[in-house]
């Protein structure tokens, strides 16, 4: 079974967030490529609450805080992110390269953190501004030697465009699969490296069984779209 999905650990309201994340991590560890933790869970419970859960984890662990500030501030944030065991972080590319992403890129390299830049988003509002600057953001990602970029599974034309611009050297991570409407496997078939999946798996009654089922669905779709079946 190929590991091609990243789990978005975004707890719903009215749950014990730490317990919720811990349960899903233990159910899915070894089955998926990695996990992504966003701001709501961290703002409520602090980073220390999750450090224990992931302390021995060797897979992809993404701090999805979508950093967007001057370079010095983002670099300070990167140091904190690294100190709590994360090995990847997401930042916005719209802050520009000079004295922003350039400094963050250098800090990420020094710390051994994978830098992932948002170049497009899965919601409709992304079309209002972000998507109009897609090519500019891709140039920033290439110049910064970003490990990956975020491009939406909800608009596969964007994924194809991103892949054509960045080649094979930059990973494409695609949110919007499942609950937000994109079909499982559609992002991979159009050039993404990973599909980011949240509620379709984390909200299931049998989490591990659902994840296994979805992974198999993706694998079958990819075989078909790549002419292997």
Foldseek 3Di string as FASTA:
>chain_A
DDAFAEEEQDDDPPDDSLVLVLVLCVLCVPPHQYYEYEDPSCVVPNLVSCLVSCVPPDGAYEDEDAAADFLVVLLVVVVVVVVSPHQEYEHELVNDQPRHLLSNLVSSVVSNHAYEYEQADADPCSVVPSVVCSVVSLVNCVVSQHQEYEDELNDLVSLLVSCVSNPPRHAYEYECDDPNDHDQQSNVLSHHRHYYDYCQQSVDPNRNVSSVVSVVVNVVVNCVSVVVD
